Amino acid sequence: MVSFQDWLSFWKFCFSPTLKVHHFCFGYPLSIFFIVINEFCERFSYYGMRAVLVLYFKFFLHWDDNLSTAIYHTFVALCYLTPILGAIIADSWLGKFKTIISLSIVYTIGQAIMAVSSINDLTDYNRDGIPDNIPLHIGLSMIGLILIAFGTGGIKPCVAAFGGDQFEEEQEKQRNRFFSLFYLSVNAGSLLSTIITPILRGKLTHRHLKYTTN
């Protein structure tokens, strides 16, 4: 069985500055492709969740407009405050690589908790399609949002800089292209998620309503 230490060693190998010269693909360090794909997925996940977050507050947790808006903006503000903490952790303690890995795990756990908190059947004891223990769902949601804010904000100051570290000094042209591709992946993930996620929510909500009606 592969241990966490083995898994971490593999990723250290992929991103090692001393070994990057030995594994290039199309003239770029192989690690660059992992970074770009990871950033696309992270942005897709974050903005997709944000696109339906207020609807989740209003129609699942049954909060009013004022409370839903207040919690939403508090969450967004926290996401833009935690990069300061992420930068401190990376510069003073773990370094960029371990910070990205550690906080990505925190971020994933937060998204998983948010997903679990939105499951009707978790507390729908009488099977009427309505959760019977709203405080539990609220508690899980708040824990999930705090972890997401800490994770997504914490890696924000590290990823672009870490990508730039993968290039040799003479690879200035490739480095410039990387940053163009990197920010393209950021915006592509954000754009696609805000289009696709509401569509998926609408279809799943319609299906759920038909199921509960029948």
N, C-alpha and C. Protein backbone atom coordinates (compact mmCIF):
# COMPACT_ATOMS: atom_id res chain seq x y z
N MET A 1 0.84 -1.20 0.00
CA MET A 1 0.00 0.00 0.00
C MET A 1 0.88 1.25 0.00
N VAL A 2 0.54 2.22 -0.86
CA VAL A 2 1.33 3.43 -0.97
C VAL A 2 1.00 4.36 0.20
N SER A 3 2.03 4.77 0.92
CA SER A 3 1.83 5.64 2.07
C SER A 3 1.79 7.10 1.63
N PHE A 4 1.34 7.96 2.54
CA PHE A 4 1.31 9.39 2.25
C PHE A 4 2.71 9.91 1.98
N GLN A 5 3.71 9.38 2.69
CA GLN A 5 5.09 9.82 2.50
C GLN A 5 5.58 9.46 1.10
N ASP A 6 5.21 8.26 0.60
CA ASP A 6 5.58 7.88 -0.76
C ASP A 6 4.95 8.81 -1.78
N TRP A 7 3.67 9.13 -1.55
CA TRP A 7 2.96 10.02 -2.46
C TRP A 7 3.59 11.41 -2.47
N LEU A 8 3.97 11.91 -1.29
CA LEU A 8 4.60 13.22 -1.19
C LEU A 8 5.97 13.21 -1.86
N SER A 9 6.70 12.10 -1.73
CA SER A 9 8.01 11.99 -2.36
C SER A 9 7.91 12.03 -3.87
N PHE A 10 6.84 11.40 -4.41
CA PHE A 10 6.63 11.42 -5.86
C PHE A 10 6.43 12.84 -6.36
N TRP A 11 5.61 13.60 -5.66
CA TRP A 11 5.34 14.97 -6.10
C TRP A 11 6.57 15.85 -5.90
N LYS A 12 7.35 15.59 -4.87
CA LYS A 12 8.60 16.33 -4.70
C LYS A 12 9.53 16.08 -5.88
N PHE A 13 9.54 14.82 -6.36
CA PHE A 13 10.36 14.48 -7.51
C PHE A 13 9.91 15.26 -8.74
N CYS A 14 8.57 15.30 -8.94
CA CYS A 14 8.03 15.98 -10.12
C CYS A 14 8.36 17.46 -10.12
N PHE A 15 8.40 18.08 -8.94
CA PHE A 15 8.56 19.52 -8.84
C PHE A 15 9.93 19.92 -8.34
N SER A 16 10.86 18.98 -8.25
CA SER A 16 12.17 19.28 -7.70
C SER A 16 12.96 20.21 -8.62
N PRO A 17 13.46 21.34 -8.11
CA PRO A 17 14.27 22.24 -8.93
C PRO A 17 15.54 21.60 -9.43
N THR A 18 16.09 20.64 -8.71
CA THR A 18 17.35 20.02 -9.11
C THR A 18 17.15 18.98 -10.20
N LEU A 19 15.91 18.52 -10.37
CA LEU A 19 15.65 17.48 -11.36
C LEU A 19 14.86 17.98 -12.56
N LYS A 20 14.37 19.19 -12.53
CA LYS A 20 13.47 19.65 -13.57
C LYS A 20 14.12 19.65 -14.95
N VAL A 21 15.44 19.81 -15.02
CA VAL A 21 16.10 19.81 -16.31
C VAL A 21 15.99 18.46 -17.00
N HIS A 22 15.70 17.39 -16.29
CA HIS A 22 15.67 16.05 -16.85
C HIS A 22 14.30 15.64 -17.36
N HIS A 23 13.25 16.38 -17.04
CA HIS A 23 11.94 15.99 -17.54
C HIS A 23 11.21 17.19 -18.11
N PHE A 24 11.43 17.42 -19.39
CA PHE A 24 10.78 18.48 -20.12
C PHE A 24 9.81 17.87 -21.12
N CYS A 25 8.76 18.62 -21.43
CA CYS A 25 7.76 18.20 -22.40
C CYS A 25 7.42 19.41 -23.26
N PHE A 26 7.68 19.30 -24.57
CA PHE A 26 7.47 20.42 -25.50
C PHE A 26 8.27 21.65 -25.08
N GLY A 27 9.42 21.43 -24.46
CA GLY A 27 10.26 22.55 -24.06
C GLY A 27 9.91 23.16 -22.73
N TYR A 28 8.91 22.61 -22.05
CA TYR A 28 8.46 23.13 -20.76
C TYR A 28 8.68 22.08 -19.68
N PRO A 29 8.97 22.51 -18.45
CA PRO A 29 9.04 21.54 -17.35
C PRO A 29 7.73 20.78 -17.22
N LEU A 30 7.82 19.48 -17.01
CA LEU A 30 6.62 18.65 -16.91
C LEU A 30 5.69 19.12 -15.79
N SER A 31 6.27 19.65 -14.74
CA SER A 31 5.46 20.10 -13.60
C SER A 31 4.51 21.22 -13.97
N ILE A 32 4.83 21.98 -15.02
CA ILE A 32 3.99 23.10 -15.43
C ILE A 32 2.59 22.64 -15.80
N PHE A 33 2.49 21.49 -16.46
CA PHE A 33 1.19 21.00 -16.89
C PHE A 33 0.33 20.61 -15.69
N PHE A 34 0.94 20.05 -14.66
CA PHE A 34 0.21 19.76 -13.43
C PHE A 34 -0.30 21.05 -12.78
N ILE A 35 0.53 22.07 -12.77
CA ILE A 35 0.17 23.34 -12.14
C ILE A 35 -1.01 23.99 -12.86
N VAL A 36 -0.95 24.03 -14.19
CA VAL A 36 -2.01 24.67 -14.97
C VAL A 36 -3.33 23.92 -14.83
N ILE A 37 -3.28 22.59 -14.92
CA ILE A 37 -4.50 21.79 -14.80
C ILE A 37 -5.09 21.91 -13.40
N ASN A 38 -4.22 21.87 -12.39
CA ASN A 38 -4.69 22.01 -11.01
C ASN A 38 -5.36 23.37 -10.79
N GLU A 39 -4.77 24.42 -11.35
CA GLU A 39 -5.35 25.76 -11.16
C GLU A 39 -6.70 25.88 -11.86
N PHE A 40 -6.81 25.28 -13.06
CA PHE A 40 -8.11 25.28 -13.76
C PHE A 40 -9.17 24.59 -12.91
N CYS A 41 -8.84 23.42 -12.38
CA CYS A 41 -9.80 22.66 -11.58
C CYS A 41 -10.16 23.39 -10.29
N GLU A 42 -9.17 24.01 -9.66
CA GLU A 42 -9.42 24.73 -8.41
C GLU A 42 -10.35 25.91 -8.63
N ARG A 43 -10.11 26.68 -9.69
CA ARG A 43 -10.97 27.82 -10.00
C ARG A 43 -12.37 27.38 -10.40
N PHE A 44 -12.45 26.29 -11.16
CA PHE A 44 -13.76 25.75 -11.55
C PHE A 44 -14.55 25.35 -10.31
N SER A 45 -13.89 24.69 -9.39
CA SER A 45 -14.54 24.25 -8.16
C SER A 45 -14.99 25.44 -7.32
N TYR A 46 -14.11 26.41 -7.14
CA TYR A 46 -14.41 27.55 -6.27
C TYR A 46 -15.55 28.40 -6.83
N TYR A 47 -15.42 28.82 -8.09
CA TYR A 47 -16.44 29.70 -8.66
C TYR A 47 -17.74 28.96 -8.94
N GLY A 48 -17.67 27.67 -9.21
CA GLY A 48 -18.88 26.88 -9.36
C GLY A 48 -19.67 26.82 -8.07
N MET A 49 -18.97 26.62 -6.96
CA MET A 49 -19.63 26.60 -5.66
C MET A 49 -20.20 27.97 -5.32
N ARG A 50 -19.42 29.02 -5.61
CA ARG A 50 -19.88 30.38 -5.31
C ARG A 50 -21.11 30.78 -6.12
N ALA A 51 -21.21 30.25 -7.34
CA ALA A 51 -22.30 30.63 -8.23
C ALA A 51 -23.67 30.25 -7.67
N VAL A 52 -23.71 29.18 -6.87
CA VAL A 52 -25.00 28.71 -6.34
C VAL A 52 -25.07 28.81 -4.82
N LEU A 53 -24.10 29.49 -4.21
CA LEU A 53 -24.02 29.51 -2.75
C LEU A 53 -25.21 30.25 -2.12
N VAL A 54 -25.56 31.41 -2.67
CA VAL A 54 -26.69 32.17 -2.11
C VAL A 54 -27.99 31.39 -2.27
N LEU A 55 -28.15 30.71 -3.41
CA LEU A 55 -29.34 29.89 -3.62
C LEU A 55 -29.40 28.76 -2.60
N TYR A 56 -28.24 28.20 -2.28
CA TYR A 56 -28.17 27.16 -1.26
C TYR A 56 -28.61 27.71 0.09
N PHE A 57 -28.13 28.89 0.44
CA PHE A 57 -28.53 29.50 1.71
C PHE A 57 -30.04 29.74 1.77
N LYS A 58 -30.60 30.25 0.67
CA LYS A 58 -32.01 30.66 0.68
C LYS A 58 -32.97 29.48 0.61
N PHE A 59 -32.69 28.53 -0.28
CA PHE A 59 -33.67 27.48 -0.56
C PHE A 59 -33.40 26.17 0.17
N PHE A 60 -32.20 25.99 0.68
CA PHE A 60 -31.90 24.77 1.43
C PHE A 60 -31.86 25.05 2.93
N LEU A 61 -31.12 26.10 3.30
CA LEU A 61 -31.04 26.46 4.72
C LEU A 61 -32.18 27.39 5.14
N HIS A 62 -32.92 27.91 4.17
CA HIS A 62 -34.09 28.76 4.42
C HIS A 62 -33.73 30.05 5.16
N TRP A 63 -32.60 30.65 4.76
CA TRP A 63 -32.23 31.95 5.30
C TRP A 63 -32.89 33.04 4.48
N ASP A 64 -33.07 34.22 5.08
CA ASP A 64 -33.63 35.34 4.32
C ASP A 64 -32.53 36.00 3.49
N ASP A 65 -32.93 36.97 2.66
CA ASP A 65 -31.98 37.60 1.74
C ASP A 65 -30.83 38.29 2.48
N ASN A 66 -31.14 38.97 3.57
CA ASN A 66 -30.12 39.72 4.30
C ASN A 66 -29.05 38.81 4.89
N LEU A 67 -29.48 37.74 5.54
CA LEU A 67 -28.52 36.82 6.15
C LEU A 67 -27.71 36.10 5.08
N SER A 68 -28.37 35.66 4.01
CA SER A 68 -27.68 34.97 2.92
C SER A 68 -26.61 35.86 2.31
N THR A 69 -26.95 37.12 2.06
CA THR A 69 -26.00 38.06 1.47
C THR A 69 -24.85 38.35 2.42
N ALA A 70 -25.15 38.51 3.70
CA ALA A 70 -24.11 38.81 4.69
C ALA A 70 -23.11 37.67 4.81
N ILE A 71 -23.60 36.44 4.91
CA ILE A 71 -22.70 35.28 5.02
C ILE A 71 -21.90 35.10 3.75
N TYR A 72 -22.54 35.30 2.60
CA TYR A 72 -21.85 35.16 1.32
C TYR A 72 -20.68 36.13 1.22
N HIS A 73 -20.92 37.40 1.52
CA HIS A 73 -19.85 38.40 1.39
C HIS A 73 -18.79 38.23 2.48
N THR A 74 -19.18 37.74 3.63
CA THR A 74 -18.18 37.43 4.66
C THR A 74 -17.25 36.33 4.19
N PHE A 75 -17.82 35.31 3.55
CA PHE A 75 -17.02 34.21 3.00
C PHE A 75 -16.06 34.72 1.93
N VAL A 76 -16.57 35.54 1.00
CA VAL A 76 -15.72 36.06 -0.07
C VAL A 76 -14.60 36.92 0.50
N ALA A 77 -14.93 37.76 1.48
CA ALA A 77 -13.91 38.60 2.11
C ALA A 77 -12.83 37.75 2.78
N LEU A 78 -13.26 36.68 3.43
CA LEU A 78 -12.30 35.79 4.09
C LEU A 78 -11.37 35.13 3.08
N CYS A 79 -11.91 34.81 1.90
CA CYS A 79 -11.08 34.21 0.84
C CYS A 79 -9.98 35.15 0.37
N TYR A 80 -10.21 36.46 0.51
CA TYR A 80 -9.20 37.43 0.08
C TYR A 80 -8.35 37.94 1.23
N LEU A 81 -8.64 37.50 2.44
CA LEU A 81 -7.79 37.82 3.59
C LEU A 81 -6.78 36.71 3.87
N THR A 82 -7.21 35.47 3.64
CA THR A 82 -6.34 34.32 3.96
C THR A 82 -5.08 34.23 3.10
N PRO A 83 -5.00 34.85 1.89
CA PRO A 83 -3.71 34.83 1.19
C PRO A 83 -2.56 35.40 2.00
N ILE A 84 -2.86 36.35 2.89
CA ILE A 84 -1.81 36.90 3.76
C ILE A 84 -1.25 35.79 4.65
N LEU A 85 -2.15 34.99 5.20
CA LEU A 85 -1.72 33.88 6.06
C LEU A 85 -0.97 32.83 5.25
N GLY A 86 -1.46 32.55 4.03
CA GLY A 86 -0.78 31.58 3.17
C GLY A 86 0.62 32.01 2.81
N ALA A 87 0.80 33.31 2.54
CA ALA A 87 2.13 33.82 2.21
C ALA A 87 3.08 33.71 3.40
N ILE A 88 2.57 33.98 4.59
CA ILE A 88 3.40 33.87 5.80
C ILE A 88 3.83 32.42 6.02
N ILE A 89 2.88 31.49 5.85
CA ILE A 89 3.20 30.07 6.03
C ILE A 89 4.25 29.62 5.02
N ALA A 90 4.08 30.04 3.76
CA ALA A 90 5.01 29.62 2.71
C ALA A 90 6.40 30.22 2.90
N ASP A 91 6.47 31.49 3.26
CA ASP A 91 7.76 32.17 3.36
C ASP A 91 8.50 31.85 4.65
N SER A 92 7.77 31.59 5.72
CA SER A 92 8.41 31.46 7.03
C SER A 92 8.45 30.04 7.57
N TRP A 93 7.70 29.12 6.95
CA TRP A 93 7.58 27.80 7.57
C TRP A 93 7.70 26.66 6.56
N LEU A 94 6.69 26.46 5.73
CA LEU A 94 6.64 25.24 4.91
C LEU A 94 7.27 25.37 3.53
N GLY A 95 7.36 26.58 3.00
CA GLY A 95 7.76 26.73 1.62
C GLY A 95 6.55 26.62 0.69
N LYS A 96 6.73 27.03 -0.56
CA LYS A 96 5.58 27.08 -1.47
C LYS A 96 5.00 25.71 -1.76
N PHE A 97 5.85 24.71 -2.02
CA PHE A 97 5.36 23.39 -2.42
C PHE A 97 4.51 22.75 -1.33
N LYS A 98 5.04 22.67 -0.11
CA LYS A 98 4.30 22.03 0.98
C LYS A 98 3.06 22.83 1.36
N THR A 99 3.13 24.15 1.22
CA THR A 99 1.95 24.97 1.51
C THR A 99 0.84 24.67 0.52
N ILE A 100 1.19 24.57 -0.76
CA ILE A 100 0.18 24.27 -1.79
C ILE A 100 -0.43 22.90 -1.55
N ILE A 101 0.40 21.90 -1.29
CA ILE A 101 -0.10 20.54 -1.06
C ILE A 101 -1.00 20.49 0.18
N SER A 102 -0.52 21.06 1.28
CA SER A 102 -1.26 20.99 2.55
C SER A 102 -2.59 21.71 2.47
N LEU A 103 -2.58 22.93 1.93
CA LEU A 103 -3.81 23.71 1.88
C LEU A 103 -4.75 23.24 0.79
N SER A 104 -4.22 22.57 -0.23
CA SER A 104 -5.11 21.95 -1.23
C SER A 104 -5.90 20.81 -0.59
N ILE A 105 -5.26 20.08 0.31
CA ILE A 105 -5.97 19.02 1.04
C ILE A 105 -7.05 19.64 1.93
N VAL A 106 -6.71 20.73 2.62
CA VAL A 106 -7.70 21.43 3.45
C VAL A 106 -8.87 21.90 2.58
N TYR A 107 -8.55 22.45 1.43
CA TYR A 107 -9.57 22.94 0.49
C TYR A 107 -10.49 21.80 0.03
N THR A 108 -9.90 20.67 -0.31
CA THR A 108 -10.68 19.52 -0.76
C THR A 108 -11.61 19.00 0.34
N ILE A 109 -11.09 18.95 1.56
CA ILE A 109 -11.92 18.52 2.70
C ILE A 109 -13.10 19.49 2.87
N GLY A 110 -12.84 20.78 2.74
CA GLY A 110 -13.90 21.77 2.86
C GLY A 110 -14.98 21.60 1.81
N GLN A 111 -14.57 21.35 0.57
CA GLN A 111 -15.55 21.13 -0.50
C GLN A 111 -16.35 19.86 -0.25
N ALA A 112 -15.69 18.83 0.26
CA ALA A 112 -16.39 17.58 0.56
C ALA A 112 -17.43 17.78 1.66
N ILE A 113 -17.06 18.55 2.69
CA ILE A 113 -18.01 18.83 3.78
C ILE A 113 -19.19 19.64 3.27
N MET A 114 -18.93 20.61 2.40
CA MET A 114 -20.02 21.39 1.81
C MET A 114 -20.95 20.49 1.00
N ALA A 115 -20.39 19.55 0.27
CA ALA A 115 -21.21 18.63 -0.52
C ALA A 115 -22.08 17.77 0.38
N VAL A 116 -21.49 17.26 1.46
CA VAL A 116 -22.25 16.43 2.40
C VAL A 116 -23.36 17.24 3.06
N SER A 117 -23.06 18.50 3.38
CA SER A 117 -24.05 19.33 4.07
C SER A 117 -25.28 19.61 3.22
N SER A 118 -25.16 19.45 1.91
CA SER A 118 -26.29 19.74 1.01
C SER A 118 -27.11 18.50 0.67
N ILE A 119 -26.82 17.38 1.31
CA ILE A 119 -27.56 16.14 1.05
C ILE A 119 -28.84 16.13 1.88
N ASN A 120 -29.97 16.13 1.21
CA ASN A 120 -31.26 16.11 1.92
C ASN A 120 -31.39 14.90 2.84
N ASP A 121 -31.03 13.75 2.31
CA ASP A 121 -31.26 12.50 3.03
C ASP A 121 -30.43 12.36 4.30
N LEU A 122 -29.49 13.27 4.49
CA LEU A 122 -28.64 13.19 5.68
C LEU A 122 -29.47 13.29 6.96
N THR A 123 -30.49 14.14 6.93
CA THR A 123 -31.36 14.29 8.11
C THR A 123 -32.85 14.24 7.75
N ASP A 124 -33.16 13.80 6.55
CA ASP A 124 -34.58 13.72 6.14
C ASP A 124 -35.16 12.40 6.63
N TYR A 125 -35.48 12.37 7.90
CA TYR A 125 -35.90 11.11 8.53
C TYR A 125 -37.28 10.65 8.06
N ASN A 126 -38.18 11.58 7.77
CA ASN A 126 -39.52 11.18 7.35
C ASN A 126 -39.70 11.15 5.83
N ARG A 127 -38.61 11.33 5.09
CA ARG A 127 -38.59 11.21 3.63
C ARG A 127 -39.61 12.13 2.96
N ASP A 128 -39.68 13.38 3.42
CA ASP A 128 -40.58 14.33 2.77
C ASP A 128 -39.83 15.32 1.88
N GLY A 129 -38.52 15.08 1.70
CA GLY A 129 -37.72 15.94 0.84
C GLY A 129 -37.18 17.18 1.52
N ILE A 130 -37.45 17.34 2.82
CA ILE A 130 -37.01 18.51 3.58
C ILE A 130 -36.14 18.06 4.75
N PRO A 131 -34.92 18.59 4.90
CA PRO A 131 -34.07 18.19 6.03
C PRO A 131 -34.74 18.48 7.36
N ASP A 132 -34.60 17.58 8.31
CA ASP A 132 -35.24 17.73 9.61
C ASP A 132 -34.30 18.32 10.67
N ASN A 133 -33.02 18.40 10.35
CA ASN A 133 -32.05 18.93 11.32
C ASN A 133 -31.23 20.03 10.65
N ILE A 134 -31.86 21.18 10.43
CA ILE A 134 -31.21 22.30 9.75
C ILE A 134 -29.95 22.77 10.49
N PRO A 135 -29.94 22.85 11.84
CA PRO A 135 -28.71 23.28 12.52
C PRO A 135 -27.49 22.44 12.17
N LEU A 136 -27.68 21.13 11.97
CA LEU A 136 -26.56 20.28 11.58
C LEU A 136 -26.03 20.69 10.21
N HIS A 137 -26.93 20.93 9.27
CA HIS A 137 -26.52 21.36 7.93
C HIS A 137 -25.83 22.72 7.97
N ILE A 138 -26.33 23.61 8.81
CA ILE A 138 -25.70 24.93 8.95
C ILE A 138 -24.29 24.78 9.52
N GLY A 139 -24.14 23.96 10.55
CA GLY A 139 -22.83 23.75 11.15
C GLY A 139 -21.82 23.18 10.17
N LEU A 140 -22.24 22.16 9.42
CA LEU A 140 -21.36 21.57 8.41
C LEU A 140 -21.01 22.59 7.34
N SER A 141 -21.99 23.38 6.92
CA SER A 141 -21.75 24.39 5.89
C SER A 141 -20.72 25.42 6.34
N MET A 142 -20.83 25.88 7.57
CA MET A 142 -19.89 26.89 8.07
C MET A 142 -18.48 26.32 8.19
N ILE A 143 -18.38 25.08 8.66
CA ILE A 143 -17.06 24.43 8.73
C ILE A 143 -16.47 24.30 7.33
N GLY A 144 -17.28 23.85 6.39
CA GLY A 144 -16.82 23.70 5.01
C GLY A 144 -16.37 25.01 4.41
N LEU A 145 -17.13 26.07 4.61
CA LEU A 145 -16.78 27.38 4.04
C LEU A 145 -15.50 27.93 4.65
N ILE A 146 -15.31 27.74 5.94
CA ILE A 146 -14.08 28.21 6.59
C ILE A 146 -12.86 27.47 6.02
N LEU A 147 -12.98 26.16 5.86
CA LEU A 147 -11.87 25.38 5.30
C LEU A 147 -11.60 25.78 3.85
N ILE A 148 -12.67 26.01 3.08
CA ILE A 148 -12.50 26.43 1.69
C ILE A 148 -11.80 27.78 1.62
N ALA A 149 -12.24 28.72 2.44
CA ALA A 149 -11.63 30.05 2.44
C ALA A 149 -10.15 29.98 2.81
N PHE A 150 -9.84 29.16 3.80
CA PHE A 150 -8.45 29.01 4.22
C PHE A 150 -7.63 28.33 3.13
N GLY A 151 -8.21 27.31 2.48
CA GLY A 151 -7.48 26.57 1.45
C GLY A 151 -7.27 27.37 0.19
N THR A 152 -8.36 27.91 -0.37
CA THR A 152 -8.24 28.63 -1.65
C THR A 152 -7.45 29.92 -1.49
N GLY A 153 -7.63 30.60 -0.36
CA GLY A 153 -6.87 31.82 -0.12
C GLY A 153 -5.42 31.55 0.19
N GLY A 154 -5.17 30.47 0.93
CA GLY A 154 -3.81 30.16 1.33
C GLY A 154 -2.89 29.81 0.19
N ILE A 155 -3.43 29.15 -0.85
CA ILE A 155 -2.57 28.78 -1.99
C ILE A 155 -2.47 29.89 -3.02
N LYS A 156 -3.33 30.89 -2.93
CA LYS A 156 -3.38 31.95 -3.94
C LYS A 156 -2.04 32.65 -4.16
N PRO A 157 -1.29 33.03 -3.11
CA PRO A 157 -0.04 33.73 -3.35
C PRO A 157 1.12 32.81 -3.74
N CYS A 158 0.88 31.50 -3.72
CA CYS A 158 1.98 30.54 -3.91
C CYS A 158 2.05 29.95 -5.31
N VAL A 159 0.90 29.73 -5.95
CA VAL A 159 0.86 28.90 -7.15
C VAL A 159 1.60 29.55 -8.31
N ALA A 160 1.29 30.81 -8.62
CA ALA A 160 1.94 31.48 -9.75
C ALA A 160 3.45 31.58 -9.53
N ALA A 161 3.85 31.95 -8.32
CA ALA A 161 5.28 32.06 -8.02
C ALA A 161 5.96 30.70 -8.10
N PHE A 162 5.27 29.66 -7.63
CA PHE A 162 5.84 28.32 -7.69
C PHE A 162 6.00 27.87 -9.14
N GLY A 163 5.03 28.22 -9.99
CA GLY A 163 5.16 27.89 -11.41
C GLY A 163 6.36 28.57 -12.03
N GLY A 164 6.58 29.84 -11.70
CA GLY A 164 7.74 30.55 -12.23
C GLY A 164 9.06 29.95 -11.77
N ASP A 165 9.06 29.35 -10.58
CA ASP A 165 10.29 28.73 -10.05
C ASP A 165 10.71 27.50 -10.85
N GLN A 166 9.82 26.93 -11.64
CA GLN A 166 10.12 25.69 -12.35
C GLN A 166 11.03 25.91 -13.56
N PHE A 167 11.23 27.15 -13.98
CA PHE A 167 11.99 27.43 -15.19
C PHE A 167 13.43 27.80 -14.88
N GLU A 168 14.30 27.46 -15.82
CA GLU A 168 15.69 27.89 -15.73
C GLU A 168 15.77 29.37 -16.12
N GLU A 169 16.89 30.00 -15.79
CA GLU A 169 17.05 31.43 -16.08
C GLU A 169 16.98 31.72 -17.57
N GLU A 170 17.48 30.79 -18.40
CA GLU A 170 17.49 31.03 -19.85
C GLU A 170 16.15 30.73 -20.51
N GLN A 171 15.16 30.32 -19.74
CA GLN A 171 13.85 29.99 -20.29
C GLN A 171 12.84 31.13 -20.12
N GLU A 172 13.30 32.34 -20.36
CA GLU A 172 12.43 33.50 -20.15
C GLU A 172 11.22 33.46 -21.08
N LYS A 173 11.42 33.05 -22.32
CA LYS A 173 10.31 32.99 -23.29
C LYS A 173 9.25 31.99 -22.84
N GLN A 174 9.70 30.80 -22.41
CA GLN A 174 8.76 29.79 -21.93
C GLN A 174 8.05 30.25 -20.66
N ARG A 175 8.78 30.94 -19.79
CA ARG A 175 8.18 31.43 -18.55
C ARG A 175 7.06 32.44 -18.85
N ASN A 176 7.31 33.34 -19.80
CA ASN A 176 6.28 34.32 -20.16
C ASN A 176 5.05 33.63 -20.74
N ARG A 177 5.27 32.62 -21.57
CA ARG A 177 4.14 31.88 -22.12
C ARG A 177 3.39 31.12 -21.03
N PHE A 178 4.14 30.61 -20.07
CA PHE A 178 3.49 29.90 -18.96
C PHE A 178 2.51 30.81 -18.23
N PHE A 179 2.93 32.03 -17.91
CA PHE A 179 2.04 32.93 -17.17
C PHE A 179 0.80 33.28 -17.98
N SER A 180 0.96 33.40 -19.31
CA SER A 180 -0.22 33.63 -20.16
C SER A 180 -1.16 32.44 -20.08
N LEU A 181 -0.60 31.23 -20.17
CA LEU A 181 -1.41 30.01 -20.10
C LEU A 181 -2.00 29.83 -18.71
N PHE A 182 -1.24 30.18 -17.70
CA PHE A 182 -1.70 30.04 -16.32
C PHE A 182 -2.94 30.90 -16.07
N TYR A 183 -2.86 32.17 -16.45
CA TYR A 183 -4.01 33.06 -16.21
C TYR A 183 -5.16 32.77 -17.15
N LEU A 184 -4.86 32.18 -18.32
CA LEU A 184 -5.94 31.70 -19.19
C LEU A 184 -6.70 30.58 -18.50
N SER A 185 -5.98 29.66 -17.86
CA SER A 185 -6.63 28.55 -17.16
C SER A 185 -7.45 29.05 -15.98
N VAL A 186 -6.96 30.08 -15.30
CA VAL A 186 -7.70 30.66 -14.17
C VAL A 186 -9.03 31.21 -14.65
N ASN A 187 -8.99 32.01 -15.72
CA ASN A 187 -10.22 32.64 -16.21
C ASN A 187 -11.13 31.66 -16.92
N ALA A 188 -10.55 30.65 -17.59
CA ALA A 188 -11.38 29.64 -18.24
C ALA A 188 -12.13 28.82 -17.21
N GLY A 189 -11.45 28.42 -16.14
CA GLY A 189 -12.12 27.67 -15.08
C GLY A 189 -13.22 28.48 -14.42
N SER A 190 -12.96 29.77 -14.20
CA SER A 190 -13.96 30.63 -13.58
C SER A 190 -15.17 30.81 -14.48
N LEU A 191 -14.93 31.06 -15.77
CA LEU A 191 -16.02 31.30 -16.72
C LEU A 191 -16.88 30.06 -16.92
N LEU A 192 -16.23 28.93 -17.18
CA LEU A 192 -16.98 27.70 -17.45
C LEU A 192 -17.81 27.27 -16.24
N SER A 193 -17.24 27.43 -15.05
CA SER A 193 -17.96 26.98 -13.86
C SER A 193 -19.21 27.81 -13.60
N THR A 194 -19.14 29.12 -13.86
CA THR A 194 -20.31 29.98 -13.63
C THR A 194 -21.40 29.75 -14.66
N ILE A 195 -21.06 29.11 -15.78
CA ILE A 195 -22.06 28.74 -16.78
C ILE A 195 -22.62 27.34 -16.52
N ILE A 196 -21.72 26.40 -16.28
CA ILE A 196 -22.12 24.99 -16.18
C ILE A 196 -22.81 24.67 -14.86
N THR A 197 -22.28 25.18 -13.75
CA THR A 197 -22.83 24.82 -12.43
C THR A 197 -24.29 25.20 -12.26
N PRO A 198 -24.72 26.43 -12.61
CA PRO A 198 -26.16 26.73 -12.49
C PRO A 198 -27.04 25.85 -13.36
N ILE A 199 -26.54 25.48 -14.55
CA ILE A 199 -27.31 24.59 -15.43
C ILE A 199 -27.49 23.23 -14.77
N LEU A 200 -26.40 22.69 -14.22
CA LEU A 200 -26.48 21.39 -13.53
C LEU A 200 -27.40 21.48 -12.33
N ARG A 201 -27.31 22.57 -11.58
CA ARG A 201 -28.18 22.74 -10.42
C ARG A 201 -29.65 22.75 -10.84
N GLY A 202 -29.95 23.47 -11.92
CA GLY A 202 -31.33 23.54 -12.39
C GLY A 202 -31.88 22.18 -12.78
N LYS A 203 -31.06 21.39 -13.47
CA LYS A 203 -31.50 20.06 -13.89
C LYS A 203 -31.69 19.13 -12.69
N LEU A 204 -30.75 19.16 -11.76
CA LEU A 204 -30.84 18.29 -10.60
C LEU A 204 -31.99 18.70 -9.68
N THR A 205 -32.22 20.00 -9.55
CA THR A 205 -33.33 20.47 -8.72
C THR A 205 -34.66 20.05 -9.32
N HIS A 206 -34.78 20.16 -10.64
CA HIS A 206 -36.02 19.74 -11.32
C HIS A 206 -36.25 18.25 -11.12
N ARG A 207 -35.18 17.47 -11.23
CA ARG A 207 -35.30 16.02 -11.04
C ARG A 207 -35.69 15.69 -9.60
N HIS A 208 -35.11 16.41 -8.64
CA HIS A 208 -35.43 16.17 -7.23
C HIS A 208 -36.89 16.52 -6.93
N LEU A 209 -37.39 17.62 -7.51
CA LEU A 209 -38.78 18.01 -7.29
C LEU A 209 -39.74 16.98 -7.87
N LYS A 210 -39.41 16.43 -9.02
CA LYS A 210 -40.25 15.39 -9.62
C LYS A 210 -40.27 14.15 -8.74
N TYR A 211 -39.09 13.81 -8.17
CA TYR A 211 -38.99 12.62 -7.32
C TYR A 211 -39.81 12.78 -6.05
N THR A 212 -39.70 13.96 -5.40
CA THR A 212 -40.42 14.18 -4.15
C THR A 212 -41.92 14.31 -4.38
N THR A 213 -42.31 14.84 -5.55
CA THR A 213 -43.73 14.97 -5.87
C THR A 213 -44.38 13.61 -6.07
N ASN A 214 -43.62 12.72 -6.74
CA ASN A 214 -44.14 11.38 -6.99
C ASN A 214 -44.09 10.52 -5.72
